[in-house]
Amino acid sequence: STQSTWEQLLGAIDAFNAEDRSQAALRVSCGLHMGDVMVGVIGEEQRLDSTIISDAVNVASRMNGLNRLYGTQVLLSRDTLRLVTLPALDLRPLGPVNFKGKSVPVEVVQLLASRGTLDADAFGAALEHLRAERFEEAA
């Protein structure tokens, strides 16, 4: 299949939502950012607890929260894009975002689709809506 794993997941969720109208629609979103983390596990064999402490985790979480505001599903930081090699995907730059506790804005990018499946006219219109802070229309 030429679909990305993310597109396959979204297709499965759409199919699930189409089958069961008695429940609220299932919606999945993701914020991706990279950085150093501190991971800890404490407890005993019967009861373990783990946590992750990191500025990178906080940024990823805040980016995921932006999905709700922007009506998007996958947001990545520009820093993440510099560190990883992605398959041929269409991306939409959303610009710098000032997150609480960060002194430097984070450049945020939206993952749209596999390259070549995006409608250029719709993309241009969505970008204009985004710049005018009309987030629902931009999505």
C-alpha atoms as a PDB file:
ATOM      1  CA  SER A   1       0.000   0.000   0.000  1.00  0.00           C
ATOM      2  CA  THR A   2       1.188   3.531  -0.734  1.00  0.00           C
ATOM      3  CA  GLN A   3      -0.655   4.926   2.274  1.00  0.00           C
ATOM      4  CA  SER A   4       1.366   5.979   5.294  1.00  0.00           C
ATOM      5  CA  THR A   5       0.739   4.192   8.574  1.00  0.00           C
ATOM      6  CA  TRP A   6      -0.954   7.351   9.831  1.00  0.00           C
ATOM      7  CA  GLU A   7      -3.327   7.404   6.853  1.00  0.00           C
ATOM      8  CA  GLN A   8      -4.135   3.714   7.416  1.00  0.00           C
ATOM      9  CA  LEU A   9      -4.909   4.466  11.073  1.00  0.00           C
ATOM     10  CA  LEU A  10      -7.147   7.404  10.133  1.00  0.00           C
ATOM     11  CA  GLY A  11      -8.928   5.230   7.554  1.00  0.00           C
ATOM     12  CA  ALA A  12      -9.603   2.569  10.199  1.00  0.00           C
ATOM     13  CA  ILE A  13     -10.950   5.208  12.594  1.00  0.00           C
ATOM     14  CA  ASP A  14     -13.198   6.654   9.867  1.00  0.00           C
ATOM     15  CA  ALA A  15     -14.533   3.145   9.144  1.00  0.00           C
ATOM     16  CA  PHE A  16     -15.157   2.561  12.858  1.00  0.00           C
ATOM     17  CA  ASN A  17     -16.967   5.883  13.194  1.00  0.00           C
ATOM     18  CA  ALA A  18     -19.121   5.080  10.135  1.00  0.00           C
ATOM     19  CA  GLU A  19     -20.156   1.717  11.624  1.00  0.00           C
ATOM     20  CA  ASP A  20     -21.228   2.836  15.100  1.00  0.00           C
ATOM     21  CA  ARG A  21     -23.404   5.939  15.156  1.00  0.00           C
ATOM     22  CA  SER A  22     -24.592   5.334  18.743  1.00  0.00           C
ATOM     23  CA  GLN A  23     -21.326   6.643  20.203  1.00  0.00           C
ATOM     24  CA  ALA A  24     -19.554   9.960  19.815  1.00  0.00           C
ATOM     25  CA  ALA A  25     -17.037   9.855  16.966  1.00  0.00           C
ATOM     26  CA  LEU A  26     -13.573   8.637  17.876  1.00  0.00           C
ATOM     27  CA  ARG A  27     -10.933  11.289  17.172  1.00  0.00           C
ATOM     28  CA  VAL A  28      -7.168  10.804  17.351  1.00  0.00           C
ATOM     29  CA  SER A  29      -4.474  13.476  17.357  1.00  0.00           C
ATOM     30  CA  CYS A  30      -0.739  13.610  17.920  1.00  0.00           C
ATOM     31  CA  GLY A  31       1.918  16.215  18.717  1.00  0.00           C
ATOM     32  CA  LEU A  32       5.512  15.271  17.866  1.00  0.00           C
ATOM     33  CA  HIS A  33       8.605  16.940  19.282  1.00  0.00           C
ATOM     34  CA  MET A  34      12.063  15.552  19.998  1.00  0.00           C
ATOM     35  CA  GLY A  35      14.480  16.121  22.840  1.00  0.00           C
ATOM     36  CA  ASP A  36      16.137  14.628  25.885  1.00  0.00           C
ATOM     37  CA  VAL A  37      13.923  12.940  28.467  1.00  0.00           C
ATOM     38  CA  MET A  38      14.310  11.516  31.955  1.00  0.00           C
ATOM     39  CA  VAL A  39      12.409   8.253  32.489  1.00  0.00           C
ATOM     40  CA  GLY A  40      11.828   6.669  35.877  1.00  0.00           C
ATOM     41  CA  VAL A  41      10.142   3.520  37.135  1.00  0.00           C
ATOM     42  CA  ILE A  42       9.500   2.942  40.841  1.00  0.00           C
ATOM     43  CA  GLY A  43       7.670   0.374  42.902  1.00  0.00           C
ATOM     44  CA  GLU A  44       7.542  -3.370  43.303  1.00  0.00           C
ATOM     45  CA  GLU A  45       6.764  -6.224  40.961  1.00  0.00           C
ATOM     46  CA  GLN A  46       3.049  -6.122  41.909  1.00  0.00           C
ATOM     47  CA  ARG A  47       2.757  -2.353  41.541  1.00  0.00           C
ATOM     48  CA  LEU A  48       5.005  -0.343  39.247  1.00  0.00           C
ATOM     49  CA  ASP A  49       4.650   3.288  38.307  1.00  0.00           C
ATOM     50  CA  SER A  50       6.540   5.160  35.639  1.00  0.00           C
ATOM     51  CA  THR A  51       6.866   8.742  34.514  1.00  0.00           C
ATOM     52  CA  ILE A  52       8.672  10.843  31.948  1.00  0.00           C
ATOM     53  CA  ILE A  53       9.979  14.295  32.799  1.00  0.00           C
ATOM     54  CA  SER A  54      11.150  16.541  30.007  1.00  0.00           C
ATOM     55  CA  ASP A  55      10.713  19.880  28.314  1.00  0.00           C
ATOM     56  CA  ALA A  56      10.348  17.937  25.034  1.00  0.00           C
ATOM     57  CA  VAL A  57       7.411  15.939  26.441  1.00  0.00           C
ATOM     58  CA  ASN A  58       5.724  19.153  27.610  1.00  0.00           C
ATOM     59  CA  VAL A  59       6.123  20.730  24.158  1.00  0.00           C
ATOM     60  CA  ALA A  60       4.744  17.611  22.427  1.00  0.00           C
ATOM     61  CA  SER A  61       1.770  17.611  24.800  1.00  0.00           C
ATOM     62  CA  ARG A  62       1.069  21.296  24.180  1.00  0.00           C
ATOM     63  CA  MET A  63       1.352  20.735  20.417  1.00  0.00           C
ATOM     64  CA  ASN A  64      -1.176  17.916  20.697  1.00  0.00           C
ATOM     65  CA  GLY A  65      -3.486  20.348  22.515  1.00  0.00           C
ATOM     66  CA  LEU A  66      -3.185  22.717  19.545  1.00  0.00           C
ATOM     67  CA  ASN A  67      -4.804  20.052  17.364  1.00  0.00           C
ATOM     68  CA  ARG A  68      -8.107  20.742  19.091  1.00  0.00           C
ATOM     69  CA  LEU A  69      -7.787  24.499  18.535  1.00  0.00           C
ATOM     70  CA  TYR A  70      -6.646  24.201  14.900  1.00  0.00           C
ATOM     71  CA  GLY A  71      -8.930  21.273  14.008  1.00  0.00           C
ATOM     72  CA  THR A  72      -5.860  19.276  12.924  1.00  0.00           C
ATOM     73  CA  GLN A  73      -4.701  15.743  13.698  1.00  0.00           C
ATOM     74  CA  VAL A  74      -0.899  15.641  13.512  1.00  0.00           C
ATOM     75  CA  LEU A  75       1.443  18.514  14.387  1.00  0.00           C
ATOM     76  CA  LEU A  76       5.243  18.345  14.359  1.00  0.00           C
ATOM     77  CA  SER A  77       7.867  20.819  15.460  1.00  0.00           C
ATOM     78  CA  ARG A  78      10.277  22.126  12.826  1.00  0.00           C
ATOM     79  CA  ASP A  79      13.078  20.836  15.113  1.00  0.00           C
ATOM     80  CA  THR A  80      11.693  17.312  14.752  1.00  0.00           C
ATOM     81  CA  LEU A  81      11.634  17.623  10.969  1.00  0.00           C
ATOM     82  CA  ARG A  82      15.323  18.576  11.027  1.00  0.00           C
ATOM     83  CA  LEU A  83      16.216  15.404  12.957  1.00  0.00           C
ATOM     84  CA  VAL A  84      14.204  12.716  11.156  1.00  0.00           C
ATOM     85  CA  THR A  85      13.721  11.513   7.610  1.00  0.00           C
ATOM     86  CA  LEU A  86      10.049  11.301   6.724  1.00  0.00           C
ATOM     87  CA  PRO A  87       8.526   9.562   3.729  1.00  0.00           C
ATOM     88  CA  ALA A  88       7.116  11.731   0.955  1.00  0.00           C
ATOM     89  CA  LEU A  89       4.491  13.693   2.877  1.00  0.00           C
ATOM     90  CA  ASP A  90       2.721  16.985   2.322  1.00  0.00           C
ATOM     91  CA  LEU A  91       3.328  19.372   5.206  1.00  0.00           C
ATOM     92  CA  ARG A  92       1.802  22.758   6.001  1.00  0.00           C
ATOM     93  CA  PRO A  93       3.830  25.264   8.039  1.00  0.00           C
ATOM     94  CA  LEU A  94       1.621  26.860  10.684  1.00  0.00           C
ATOM     95  CA  GLY A  95       4.209  29.289  12.010  1.00  0.00           C
ATOM     96  CA  PRO A  96       5.730  30.012  15.407  1.00  0.00           C
ATOM     97  CA  VAL A  97       3.794  29.255  18.585  1.00  0.00           C
ATOM     98  CA  ASN A  98       4.635  30.639  22.028  1.00  0.00           C
ATOM     99  CA  PHE A  99       4.099  27.864  24.561  1.00  0.00           C
ATOM    100  CA  LYS A 100       3.808  28.548  28.280  1.00  0.00           C
ATOM    101  CA  GLY A 101       7.195  28.187  29.947  1.00  0.00           C
ATOM    102  CA  LYS A 102       9.173  28.504  26.700  1.00  0.00           C
ATOM    103  CA  SER A 103      11.237  31.620  25.988  1.00  0.00           C
ATOM    104  CA  VAL A 104      11.660  30.776  22.282  1.00  0.00           C
ATOM    105  CA  PRO A 105       8.654  30.155  19.984  1.00  0.00           C
ATOM    106  CA  VAL A 106       8.322  26.660  18.485  1.00  0.00           C
ATOM    107  CA  GLU A 107       7.808  26.440  14.712  1.00  0.00           C
ATOM    108  CA  VAL A 108       4.822  24.149  14.164  1.00  0.00           C
ATOM    109  CA  VAL A 109       4.099  22.136  11.007  1.00  0.00           C
ATOM    110  CA  GLN A 110       0.970  20.129  10.140  1.00  0.00           C
ATOM    111  CA  LEU A 111       1.187  16.679   8.542  1.00  0.00           C
ATOM    112  CA  LEU A 112      -1.424  16.589   5.810  1.00  0.00           C
ATOM    113  CA  ALA A 113      -1.163  13.530   3.543  1.00  0.00           C
ATOM    114  CA  SER A 114       1.045  11.461   1.288  1.00  0.00           C
ATOM    115  CA  ARG A 115       2.722  13.683  -1.284  1.00  0.00           C
ATOM    116  CA  GLY A 116       0.640  14.233  -4.398  1.00  0.00           C
ATOM    117  CA  THR A 117      -2.756  13.667  -2.749  1.00  0.00           C
ATOM    118  CA  LEU A 118      -3.194  17.274  -1.637  1.00  0.00           C
ATOM    119  CA  ASP A 119      -5.392  19.752  -3.528  1.00  0.00           C
ATOM    120  CA  ALA A 120      -3.173  22.826  -4.084  1.00  0.00           C
ATOM    121  CA  ASP A 121      -6.111  25.261  -4.335  1.00  0.00           C
ATOM    122  CA  ALA A 122      -7.663  23.988  -1.106  1.00  0.00           C
ATOM    123  CA  PHE A 123      -4.253  24.191   0.553  1.00  0.00           C
ATOM    124  CA  GLY A 124      -3.831  27.840  -0.466  1.00  0.00           C
ATOM    125  CA  ALA A 125      -7.293  28.740   0.809  1.00  0.00           C
ATOM    126  CA  ALA A 126      -6.650  26.942   4.104  1.00  0.00           C
ATOM    127  CA  LEU A 127      -3.368  28.816   4.555  1.00  0.00           C
ATOM    128  CA  GLU A 128      -5.166  32.149   4.095  1.00  0.00           C
ATOM    129  CA  HIS A 129      -7.767  31.146   6.709  1.00  0.00           C
ATOM    130  CA  LEU A 130      -4.972  30.145   9.102  1.00  0.00           C
ATOM    131  CA  ARG A 131      -3.177  33.476   8.716  1.00  0.00           C
ATOM    132  CA  ALA A 132      -6.482  35.241   9.435  1.00  0.00           C
ATOM    133  CA  GLU A 133      -6.906  33.035  12.569  1.00  0.00           C
ATOM    134  CA  ARG A 134     -10.050  31.383  11.176  1.00  0.00           C
ATOM    135  CA  PHE A 135      -8.960  27.966  12.452  1.00  0.00           C
ATOM    136  CA  GLU A 136     -12.132  25.988  11.764  1.00  0.00           C
ATOM    137  CA  GLU A 137     -12.199  27.133   8.142  1.00  0.00           C
ATOM    138  CA  ALA A 138      -8.472  26.402   7.796  1.00  0.00           C
ATOM    139  CA  ALA A 139      -8.906  22.787   8.916  1.00  0.00           C
END
